[in-house]
Amino acid sequence: MANIIEIHNLSDPALAAYTQLTHAQLRNRLEPEKGIFIAESTKVIACALRAGCQPVSALMERNHIQSFLAHVPEQYADIPIYTADREVLAGLTGYQVTRGVLCAMLRPVQPSVEELCRTARRIAVLEDITDATNVGAIFRSAAALGMDGVLVTPSCCDPLYRRAVRVSMGTVFQIPWAQIGSEPSQWPQPGLSRLNEMGFRTVAMALTDESVSIDDPVLAQEEKLAIILGTEGDGLSAHTIAGCDYTARIPMLHGVDSLNVAAAGAVIFWQLRPRT
């Protein structure tokens, strides 16, 4: 039976995950591997549930309860579902953009870098990309356009950050991802060396005199390729570019020299996807 709990204000300690705790606090409130993330919208929550994520509680307007329960596996049907009038819920900052439903979930166990890369032919590596919108959009493109997985560096935005999850439309639960290195000092080395040891050739996406076009046949012919995208504005670090096997660029017209990293990622993933 559904465990529906009426609330009258947002100061209830049971709602701390939604109203009081920052993303960093949610991520580390227990042991890191048992942290919590917030998913929003029925579609995204359904993706997370299909991927095996465990719900802890939910917060929503009354008219979303039945559609939410339709997606919840039977073993989780008794989780607390907090609900109230729209006027009460409107006091929650940002609630208006959640499309009616929030769900607190335990963070899933991510594969190791080696597990992710074992059978992969094309992976995207996100170096220090800090904008959650860009991270979410890159995940969506990576899932749609032929990447086998995504690696994020230690200084990259967490793919389970609330906005990243929302913008990805749930694809953060559909494509495997892992963090390469536990500390910022572990990228670009030994991270790049780890990729080479697993059979990957690395390609830095950067505008340099030595860069080749992404449609250069030599890139398409590589059996295993790690495509490395850099942070907004500054792009990849010089150390990363120097340590990669290739440097590549997107050919552009009208004097345009760069694209938003998420848009660039979509173009690159399509061009360099596995063809056989």
C-alpha atoms as a PDB file:
ATOM      1  CA  MET A   1       0.000   0.000   0.000  1.00  0.00           C
ATOM      2  CA  ALA A   2       1.267   3.453  -0.851  1.00  0.00           C
ATOM      3  CA  ASN A   3       2.719   5.364   2.096  1.00  0.00           C
ATOM      4  CA  ILE A   4       1.320   8.831   1.349  1.00  0.00           C
ATOM      5  CA  ILE A   5       2.218  11.520   3.867  1.00  0.00           C
ATOM      6  CA  GLU A   6       0.550  14.922   3.851  1.00  0.00           C
ATOM      7  CA  ILE A   7       2.871  17.834   4.693  1.00  0.00           C
ATOM      8  CA  HIS A   8       1.940  21.347   5.723  1.00  0.00           C
ATOM      9  CA  ASN A   9       5.337  23.064   5.642  1.00  0.00           C
ATOM     10  CA  LEU A  10       8.814  22.336   4.353  1.00  0.00           C
ATOM     11  CA  SER A  11      10.612  22.465   7.696  1.00  0.00           C
ATOM     12  CA  ASP A  12       9.889  18.793   8.412  1.00  0.00           C
ATOM     13  CA  PRO A  13      13.280  17.051   8.958  1.00  0.00           C
ATOM     14  CA  ALA A  14      12.072  14.199   6.769  1.00  0.00           C
ATOM     15  CA  LEU A  15      12.230  16.584   3.812  1.00  0.00           C
ATOM     16  CA  ALA A  16      15.848  17.626   4.398  1.00  0.00           C
ATOM     17  CA  ALA A  17      17.032  15.848   1.248  1.00  0.00           C
ATOM     18  CA  TYR A  18      14.786  18.142  -0.800  1.00  0.00           C
ATOM     19  CA  THR A  19      14.915  21.382   1.152  1.00  0.00           C
ATOM     20  CA  GLN A  20      18.091  21.680   3.223  1.00  0.00           C
ATOM     21  CA  LEU A  21      20.971  19.524   2.028  1.00  0.00           C
ATOM     22  CA  THR A  22      23.308  20.614  -0.752  1.00  0.00           C
ATOM     23  CA  HIS A  23      24.303  18.220  -3.527  1.00  0.00           C
ATOM     24  CA  ALA A  24      27.672  17.648  -1.833  1.00  0.00           C
ATOM     25  CA  GLN A  25      25.943  16.836   1.455  1.00  0.00           C
ATOM     26  CA  LEU A  26      23.561  14.441  -0.256  1.00  0.00           C
ATOM     27  CA  ARG A  27      26.440  12.736  -2.020  1.00  0.00           C
ATOM     28  CA  ASN A  28      28.394  12.201   1.200  1.00  0.00           C
ATOM     29  CA  ARG A  29      25.724  12.048   3.899  1.00  0.00           C
ATOM     30  CA  LEU A  30      26.498   8.360   4.496  1.00  0.00           C
ATOM     31  CA  GLU A  31      29.513   6.589   3.061  1.00  0.00           C
ATOM     32  CA  PRO A  32      30.137   8.042  -0.424  1.00  0.00           C
ATOM     33  CA  GLU A  33      28.966   4.839  -2.102  1.00  0.00           C
ATOM     34  CA  LYS A  34      25.652   5.099  -0.209  1.00  0.00           C
ATOM     35  CA  GLY A  35      24.994   8.751  -0.922  1.00  0.00           C
ATOM     36  CA  ILE A  36      21.766  10.128  -2.311  1.00  0.00           C
ATOM     37  CA  PHE A  37      20.864  11.975  -5.483  1.00  0.00           C
ATOM     38  CA  ILE A  38      17.644  13.699  -6.513  1.00  0.00           C
ATOM     39  CA  ALA A  39      15.861  12.722  -9.729  1.00  0.00           C
ATOM     40  CA  GLU A  40      13.049  14.843 -11.096  1.00  0.00           C
ATOM     41  CA  SER A  41      10.204  14.273 -13.560  1.00  0.00           C
ATOM     42  CA  THR A  42       8.371  10.994 -14.009  1.00  0.00           C
ATOM     43  CA  LYS A  43      10.292  10.128 -17.181  1.00  0.00           C
ATOM     44  CA  VAL A  44      13.729  10.543 -15.596  1.00  0.00           C
ATOM     45  CA  ILE A  45      12.676   8.693 -12.446  1.00  0.00           C
ATOM     46  CA  ALA A  46      11.346   5.835 -14.580  1.00  0.00           C
ATOM     47  CA  CYS A  47      14.734   5.594 -16.344  1.00  0.00           C
ATOM     48  CA  ALA A  48      16.506   5.438 -12.986  1.00  0.00           C
ATOM     49  CA  LEU A  49      14.151   2.758 -11.684  1.00  0.00           C
ATOM     50  CA  ARG A  50      14.611   0.638 -14.817  1.00  0.00           C
ATOM     51  CA  ALA A  51      18.366   0.899 -14.306  1.00  0.00           C
ATOM     52  CA  GLY A  52      17.956  -0.521 -10.800  1.00  0.00           C
ATOM     53  CA  CYS A  53      18.313   2.650  -8.727  1.00  0.00           C
ATOM     54  CA  GLN A  54      16.713   2.328  -5.298  1.00  0.00           C
ATOM     55  CA  PRO A  55      14.201   5.035  -4.318  1.00  0.00           C
ATOM     56  CA  VAL A  56      14.232   6.350  -0.753  1.00  0.00           C
ATOM     57  CA  SER A  57      11.307   8.782  -0.781  1.00  0.00           C
ATOM     58  CA  ALA A  58       9.403  11.069  -3.131  1.00  0.00           C
ATOM     59  CA  LEU A  59       7.890  14.552  -3.060  1.00  0.00           C
ATOM     60  CA  MET A  60       5.152  15.537  -5.462  1.00  0.00           C
ATOM     61  CA  GLU A  61       1.842  17.171  -6.121  1.00  0.00           C
ATOM     62  CA  ARG A  62      -1.140  14.923  -5.477  1.00  0.00           C
ATOM     63  CA  ASN A  63      -2.099  14.576  -9.128  1.00  0.00           C
ATOM     64  CA  HIS A  64       1.229  12.862  -9.922  1.00  0.00           C
ATOM     65  CA  ILE A  65       0.987  10.096  -7.298  1.00  0.00           C
ATOM     66  CA  GLN A  66      -0.708   7.441  -9.435  1.00  0.00           C
ATOM     67  CA  SER A  67       1.546   7.934 -12.465  1.00  0.00           C
ATOM     68  CA  PHE A  68       4.589   7.780 -10.165  1.00  0.00           C
ATOM     69  CA  LEU A  69       3.419   4.563  -8.490  1.00  0.00           C
ATOM     70  CA  ALA A  70       2.884   2.964 -11.900  1.00  0.00           C
ATOM     71  CA  HIS A  71       6.664   3.011 -12.418  1.00  0.00           C
ATOM     72  CA  VAL A  72       7.748   1.917  -8.922  1.00  0.00           C
ATOM     73  CA  PRO A  73       8.712  -1.757  -8.485  1.00  0.00           C
ATOM     74  CA  GLU A  74       6.586  -3.583  -5.935  1.00  0.00           C
ATOM     75  CA  GLN A  75       9.393  -3.898  -3.389  1.00  0.00           C
ATOM     76  CA  TYR A  76       9.577  -0.100  -3.130  1.00  0.00           C
ATOM     77  CA  ALA A  77       5.852   0.639  -3.212  1.00  0.00           C
ATOM     78  CA  ASP A  78       5.813   1.600   0.486  1.00  0.00           C
ATOM     79  CA  ILE A  79       8.455   4.347   0.358  1.00  0.00           C
ATOM     80  CA  PRO A  80       7.281   7.653   1.873  1.00  0.00           C
ATOM     81  CA  ILE A  81       5.525   9.831  -0.679  1.00  0.00           C
ATOM     82  CA  TYR A  82       5.281  13.380   0.625  1.00  0.00           C
ATOM     83  CA  THR A  83       2.557  15.504  -0.897  1.00  0.00           C
ATOM     84  CA  ALA A  84       0.761  18.772  -0.302  1.00  0.00           C
ATOM     85  CA  ASP A  85      -1.073  21.598  -1.956  1.00  0.00           C
ATOM     86  CA  ARG A  86       0.770  23.334  -4.748  1.00  0.00           C
ATOM     87  CA  GLU A  87       1.016  26.497  -2.628  1.00  0.00           C
ATOM     88  CA  VAL A  88       2.996  24.634   0.041  1.00  0.00           C
ATOM     89  CA  LEU A  89       5.266  22.926  -2.469  1.00  0.00           C
ATOM     90  CA  ALA A  90       5.918  26.221  -4.241  1.00  0.00           C
ATOM     91  CA  GLY A  91       7.930  27.213  -1.167  1.00  0.00           C
ATOM     92  CA  LEU A  92      10.590  24.720  -2.223  1.00  0.00           C
ATOM     93  CA  THR A  93      13.162  26.601  -4.274  1.00  0.00           C
ATOM     94  CA  GLY A  94      13.193  25.329  -7.814  1.00  0.00           C
ATOM     95  CA  TYR A  95      10.189  23.092  -7.378  1.00  0.00           C
ATOM     96  CA  GLN A  96       8.418  24.694 -10.305  1.00  0.00           C
ATOM     97  CA  VAL A  97      10.967  23.228 -12.731  1.00  0.00           C
ATOM     98  CA  THR A  98      10.700  19.625 -11.516  1.00  0.00           C
ATOM     99  CA  ARG A  99       7.669  18.808 -13.649  1.00  0.00           C
ATOM    100  CA  GLY A 100       5.763  17.821 -10.559  1.00  0.00           C
ATOM    101  CA  VAL A 101       7.847  15.028  -9.042  1.00  0.00           C
ATOM    102  CA  LEU A 102      11.062  14.702  -7.052  1.00  0.00           C
ATOM    103  CA  CYS A 103      12.531  11.377  -5.929  1.00  0.00           C
ATOM    104  CA  ALA A 104      15.466  10.817  -3.569  1.00  0.00           C
ATOM    105  CA  MET A 105      17.438   7.732  -4.570  1.00  0.00           C
ATOM    106  CA  LEU A 106      20.510   5.885  -3.396  1.00  0.00           C
ATOM    107  CA  ARG A 107      23.486   6.476  -5.667  1.00  0.00           C
ATOM    108  CA  PRO A 108      24.083   3.406  -7.834  1.00  0.00           C
ATOM    109  CA  VAL A 109      27.409   1.614  -7.694  1.00  0.00           C
ATOM    110  CA  GLN A 110      29.420   2.710 -10.717  1.00  0.00           C
ATOM    111  CA  PRO A 111      31.687   0.328 -12.637  1.00  0.00           C
ATOM    112  CA  SER A 112      35.415   0.673 -12.343  1.00  0.00           C
ATOM    113  CA  VAL A 113      37.249   2.324 -15.226  1.00  0.00           C
ATOM    114  CA  GLU A 114      38.635  -1.062 -16.214  1.00  0.00           C
ATOM    115  CA  GLU A 115      35.201  -2.701 -16.185  1.00  0.00           C
ATOM    116  CA  LEU A 116      33.721   0.058 -18.305  1.00  0.00           C
ATOM    117  CA  CYS A 117      36.554  -0.031 -20.820  1.00  0.00           C
ATOM    118  CA  ARG A 118      36.882  -3.792 -21.121  1.00  0.00           C
ATOM    119  CA  THR A 119      34.505  -4.157 -24.063  1.00  0.00           C
ATOM    120  CA  ALA A 120      34.220  -0.515 -25.127  1.00  0.00           C
ATOM    121  CA  ARG A 121      35.427   0.746 -28.493  1.00  0.00           C
ATOM    122  CA  ARG A 122      34.553   4.420 -28.121  1.00  0.00           C
ATOM    123  CA  ILE A 123      34.462   6.355 -24.865  1.00  0.00           C
ATOM    124  CA  ALA A 124      34.044  10.037 -24.091  1.00  0.00           C
ATOM    125  CA  VAL A 125      36.260  11.593 -21.423  1.00  0.00           C
ATOM    126  CA  LEU A 126      35.056  14.826 -19.805  1.00  0.00           C
ATOM    127  CA  GLU A 127      37.899  16.915 -18.419  1.00  0.00           C
ATOM    128  CA  ASP A 128      36.832  19.347 -15.672  1.00  0.00           C
ATOM    129  CA  ILE A 129      33.521  20.281 -17.324  1.00  0.00           C
ATOM    130  CA  THR A 130      31.736  22.134 -14.541  1.00  0.00           C
ATOM    131  CA  ASP A 131      28.418  23.176 -16.088  1.00  0.00           C
ATOM    132  CA  ALA A 132      25.727  20.648 -15.204  1.00  0.00           C
ATOM    133  CA  THR A 133      23.699  21.479 -18.298  1.00  0.00           C
ATOM    134  CA  ASN A 134      26.650  20.669 -20.550  1.00  0.00           C
ATOM    135  CA  VAL A 135      27.388  17.435 -18.709  1.00  0.00           C
ATOM    136  CA  GLY A 136      23.773  16.307 -19.025  1.00  0.00           C
ATOM    137  CA  ALA A 137      23.628  17.218 -22.715  1.00  0.00           C
ATOM    138  CA  ILE A 138      26.916  15.406 -23.431  1.00  0.00           C
ATOM    139  CA  PHE A 139      25.601  12.251 -21.758  1.00  0.00           C
ATOM    140  CA  ARG A 140      22.472  12.390 -23.898  1.00  0.00           C
ATOM    141  CA  SER A 141      24.530  12.731 -27.086  1.00  0.00           C
ATOM    142  CA  ALA A 142      26.995  10.047 -26.004  1.00  0.00           C
ATOM    143  CA  ALA A 143      24.158   7.590 -25.393  1.00  0.00           C
ATOM    144  CA  ALA A 144      22.437   8.422 -28.671  1.00  0.00           C
ATOM    145  CA  LEU A 145      25.439   8.663 -30.968  1.00  0.00           C
ATOM    146  CA  GLY A 146      27.523   5.562 -30.442  1.00  0.00           C
ATOM    147  CA  MET A 147      29.686   6.033 -27.367  1.00  0.00           C
ATOM    148  CA  ASP A 148      30.081   2.925 -25.215  1.00  0.00           C
ATOM    149  CA  GLY A 149      30.713   4.830 -21.998  1.00  0.00           C
ATOM    150  CA  VAL A 150      31.753   8.096 -20.389  1.00  0.00           C
ATOM    151  CA  LEU A 151      34.629   8.834 -18.039  1.00  0.00           C
ATOM    152  CA  VAL A 152      34.680  11.992 -15.922  1.00  0.00           C
ATOM    153  CA  THR A 153      37.785  13.485 -14.328  1.00  0.00           C
ATOM    154  CA  PRO A 154      37.777  14.195 -10.567  1.00  0.00           C
ATOM    155  CA  SER A 155      37.114  17.923 -11.104  1.00  0.00           C
ATOM    156  CA  CYS A 156      34.194  17.375 -13.483  1.00  0.00           C
ATOM    157  CA  CYS A 157      30.604  18.079 -12.463  1.00  0.00           C
ATOM    158  CA  ASP A 158      28.962  15.015 -10.933  1.00  0.00           C
ATOM    159  CA  PRO A 159      26.738  13.370 -13.593  1.00  0.00           C
ATOM    160  CA  LEU A 160      24.168  12.738 -10.844  1.00  0.00           C
ATOM    161  CA  TYR A 161      23.889  16.434 -10.020  1.00  0.00           C
ATOM    162  CA  ARG A 162      20.184  17.234 -10.160  1.00  0.00           C
ATOM    163  CA  ARG A 163      20.302  19.464 -13.239  1.00  0.00           C
ATOM    164  CA  ALA A 164      22.696  17.149 -15.094  1.00  0.00           C
ATOM    165  CA  VAL A 165      20.339  14.227 -14.565  1.00  0.00           C
ATOM    166  CA  ARG A 166      17.365  16.277 -15.761  1.00  0.00           C
ATOM    167  CA  VAL A 167      19.067  17.622 -18.887  1.00  0.00           C
ATOM    168  CA  SER A 168      20.344  14.148 -19.764  1.00  0.00           C
ATOM    169  CA  MET A 169      16.715  12.961 -19.828  1.00  0.00           C
ATOM    170  CA  GLY A 170      17.787   9.963 -17.787  1.00  0.00           C
ATOM    171  CA  THR A 171      20.582   8.806 -20.087  1.00  0.00           C
ATOM    172  CA  VAL A 172      23.028   8.993 -17.162  1.00  0.00           C
ATOM    173  CA  PHE A 173      21.338   5.716 -16.177  1.00  0.00           C
ATOM    174  CA  GLN A 174      21.492   4.213 -19.656  1.00  0.00           C
ATOM    175  CA  ILE A 175      25.157   4.623 -20.590  1.00  0.00           C
ATOM    176  CA  PRO A 176      27.870   3.353 -18.228  1.00  0.00           C
ATOM    177  CA  TRP A 177      30.127   5.952 -16.662  1.00  0.00           C
ATOM    178  CA  ALA A 178      32.920   6.101 -14.123  1.00  0.00           C
ATOM    179  CA  GLN A 179      35.297   8.606 -12.588  1.00  0.00           C
ATOM    180  CA  ILE A 180      38.879   8.236 -13.763  1.00  0.00           C
ATOM    181  CA  GLY A 181      41.012   8.913 -10.706  1.00  0.00           C
ATOM    182  CA  SER A 182      39.940   9.835  -7.191  1.00  0.00           C
ATOM    183  CA  GLU A 183      41.947  13.077  -6.938  1.00  0.00           C
ATOM    184  CA  PRO A 184      42.519  15.959  -9.397  1.00  0.00           C
ATOM    185  CA  SER A 185      46.241  15.168  -9.304  1.00  0.00           C
ATOM    186  CA  GLN A 186      45.530  11.848 -11.053  1.00  0.00           C
ATOM    187  CA  TRP A 187      44.562  13.537 -14.319  1.00  0.00           C
ATOM    188  CA  PRO A 188      45.895  13.841 -16.991  1.00  0.00           C
ATOM    189  CA  GLN A 189      48.477  11.440 -15.641  1.00  0.00           C
ATOM    190  CA  PRO A 190      48.301   8.623 -14.809  1.00  0.00           C
ATOM    191  CA  GLY A 191      44.808   8.716 -16.348  1.00  0.00           C
ATOM    192  CA  LEU A 192      45.990   8.908 -19.953  1.00  0.00           C
ATOM    193  CA  SER A 193      48.473   6.110 -19.377  1.00  0.00           C
ATOM    194  CA  ARG A 194      45.699   3.926 -17.936  1.00  0.00           C
ATOM    195  CA  LEU A 195      43.705   4.426 -21.128  1.00  0.00           C
ATOM    196  CA  ASN A 196      46.695   3.536 -23.294  1.00  0.00           C
ATOM    197  CA  GLU A 197      47.334   0.410 -21.218  1.00  0.00           C
ATOM    198  CA  MET A 198      43.759  -0.697 -21.907  1.00  0.00           C
ATOM    199  CA  GLY A 199      44.355  -0.389 -25.637  1.00  0.00           C
ATOM    200  CA  PHE A 200      42.857   3.045 -26.263  1.00  0.00           C
ATOM    201  CA  ARG A 201      44.357   5.687 -28.456  1.00  0.00           C
ATOM    202  CA  THR A 202      43.513   9.115 -27.093  1.00  0.00           C
ATOM    203  CA  VAL A 203      42.346  12.106 -29.100  1.00  0.00           C
ATOM    204  CA  ALA A 204      42.299  15.596 -27.606  1.00  0.00           C
ATOM    205  CA  MET A 205      39.682  17.905 -29.069  1.00  0.00           C
ATOM    206  CA  ALA A 206      41.549  21.202 -29.359  1.00  0.00           C
ATOM    207  CA  LEU A 207      42.414  23.979 -31.791  1.00  0.00           C
ATOM    208  CA  THR A 208      46.133  23.648 -32.404  1.00  0.00           C
ATOM    209  CA  ASP A 209      48.364  23.854 -35.450  1.00  0.00           C
ATOM    210  CA  GLU A 210      48.953  20.101 -35.197  1.00  0.00           C
ATOM    211  CA  SER A 211      45.291  19.114 -35.055  1.00  0.00           C
ATOM    212  CA  VAL A 212      43.692  16.967 -37.722  1.00  0.00           C
ATOM    213  CA  SER A 213      40.085  17.107 -38.862  1.00  0.00           C
ATOM    214  CA  ILE A 214      37.673  14.748 -37.128  1.00  0.00           C
ATOM    215  CA  ASP A 215      36.935  13.216 -40.540  1.00  0.00           C
ATOM    216  CA  ASP A 216      40.588  12.177 -40.969  1.00  0.00           C
ATOM    217  CA  PRO A 217      40.473   8.431 -41.835  1.00  0.00           C
ATOM    218  CA  VAL A 218      43.211   7.631 -39.343  1.00  0.00           C
ATOM    219  CA  LEU A 219      40.851   8.387 -36.459  1.00  0.00           C
ATOM    220  CA  ALA A 220      37.989   6.307 -37.825  1.00  0.00           C
ATOM    221  CA  GLN A 221      40.320   3.344 -38.307  1.00  0.00           C
ATOM    222  CA  GLU A 222      41.354   3.176 -34.652  1.00  0.00           C
ATOM    223  CA  GLU A 223      39.893   0.108 -32.966  1.00  0.00           C
ATOM    224  CA  LYS A 224      39.597   1.783 -29.557  1.00  0.00           C
ATOM    225  CA  LEU A 225      39.396   5.546 -29.206  1.00  0.00           C
ATOM    226  CA  ALA A 226      39.016   7.794 -26.164  1.00  0.00           C
ATOM    227  CA  ILE A 227      37.611  11.197 -27.153  1.00  0.00           C
ATOM    228  CA  ILE A 228      38.600  13.882 -24.649  1.00  0.00           C
ATOM    229  CA  LEU A 229      36.539  17.048 -24.278  1.00  0.00           C
ATOM    230  CA  GLY A 230      37.697  20.044 -22.246  1.00  0.00           C
ATOM    231  CA  THR A 231      36.148  22.491 -19.862  1.00  0.00           C
ATOM    232  CA  GLU A 232      34.035  25.422 -20.974  1.00  0.00           C
ATOM    233  CA  GLY A 233      36.052  28.445 -22.077  1.00  0.00           C
ATOM    234  CA  ASP A 234      39.616  27.243 -21.605  1.00  0.00           C
ATOM    235  CA  GLY A 235      39.244  23.832 -23.198  1.00  0.00           C
ATOM    236  CA  LEU A 236      41.735  21.042 -22.523  1.00  0.00           C
ATOM    237  CA  SER A 237      44.865  21.660 -20.505  1.00  0.00           C
ATOM    238  CA  ALA A 238      48.167  21.848 -22.335  1.00  0.00           C
ATOM    239  CA  HIS A 239      49.368  18.789 -20.401  1.00  0.00           C
ATOM    240  CA  THR A 240      46.405  16.772 -21.638  1.00  0.00           C
ATOM    241  CA  ILE A 241      46.897  17.827 -25.247  1.00  0.00           C
ATOM    242  CA  ALA A 242      50.607  17.001 -25.064  1.00  0.00           C
ATOM    243  CA  GLY A 243      49.881  13.593 -23.586  1.00  0.00           C
ATOM    244  CA  CYS A 244      47.330  12.460 -26.188  1.00  0.00           C
ATOM    245  CA  ASP A 245      48.046  10.392 -29.269  1.00  0.00           C
ATOM    246  CA  TYR A 246      46.074  12.752 -31.531  1.00  0.00           C
ATOM    247  CA  THR A 247      44.707  16.273 -31.472  1.00  0.00           C
ATOM    248  CA  ALA A 248      41.603  16.875 -33.581  1.00  0.00           C
ATOM    249  CA  ARG A 249      39.220  19.674 -34.463  1.00  0.00           C
ATOM    250  CA  ILE A 250      35.821  20.136 -36.068  1.00  0.00           C
ATOM    251  CA  PRO A 251      36.133  21.853 -39.471  1.00  0.00           C
ATOM    252  CA  MET A 252      34.031  25.054 -39.394  1.00  0.00           C
ATOM    253  CA  LEU A 253      33.022  27.857 -41.724  1.00  0.00           C
ATOM    254  CA  HIS A 254      32.453  31.637 -41.583  1.00  0.00           C
ATOM    255  CA  GLY A 255      35.354  32.218 -39.216  1.00  0.00           C
ATOM    256  CA  VAL A 256      33.711  30.371 -36.326  1.00  0.00           C
ATOM    257  CA  ASP A 257      36.478  28.791 -34.275  1.00  0.00           C
ATOM    258  CA  SER A 258      34.585  26.841 -31.619  1.00  0.00           C
ATOM    259  CA  LEU A 259      31.255  25.409 -30.494  1.00  0.00           C
ATOM    260  CA  ASN A 260      29.697  24.926 -27.098  1.00  0.00           C
ATOM    261  CA  VAL A 261      31.247  21.763 -25.652  1.00  0.00           C
ATOM    262  CA  ALA A 262      27.933  19.900 -25.634  1.00  0.00           C
ATOM    263  CA  ALA A 263      27.226  20.774 -29.277  1.00  0.00           C
ATOM    264  CA  ALA A 264      30.794  19.879 -30.220  1.00  0.00           C
ATOM    265  CA  GLY A 265      30.465  16.551 -28.464  1.00  0.00           C
ATOM    266  CA  ALA A 266      27.426  15.595 -30.518  1.00  0.00           C
ATOM    267  CA  VAL A 267      29.229  16.351 -33.793  1.00  0.00           C
ATOM    268  CA  ILE A 268      32.352  14.471 -32.725  1.00  0.00           C
ATOM    269  CA  PHE A 269      30.514  11.408 -31.398  1.00  0.00           C
ATOM    270  CA  TRP A 270      28.593  11.017 -34.648  1.00  0.00           C
ATOM    271  CA  GLN A 271      31.683  11.343 -36.801  1.00  0.00           C
ATOM    272  CA  LEU A 272      33.862   9.026 -34.741  1.00  0.00           C
ATOM    273  CA  ARG A 273      31.285   6.412 -33.780  1.00  0.00           C
ATOM    274  CA  PRO A 274      32.155   2.753 -34.540  1.00  0.00           C
ATOM    275  CA  ARG A 275      31.175   1.941 -38.118  1.00  0.00           C
ATOM    276  CA  THR A 276      31.267  -1.864 -37.972  1.00  0.00           C
END
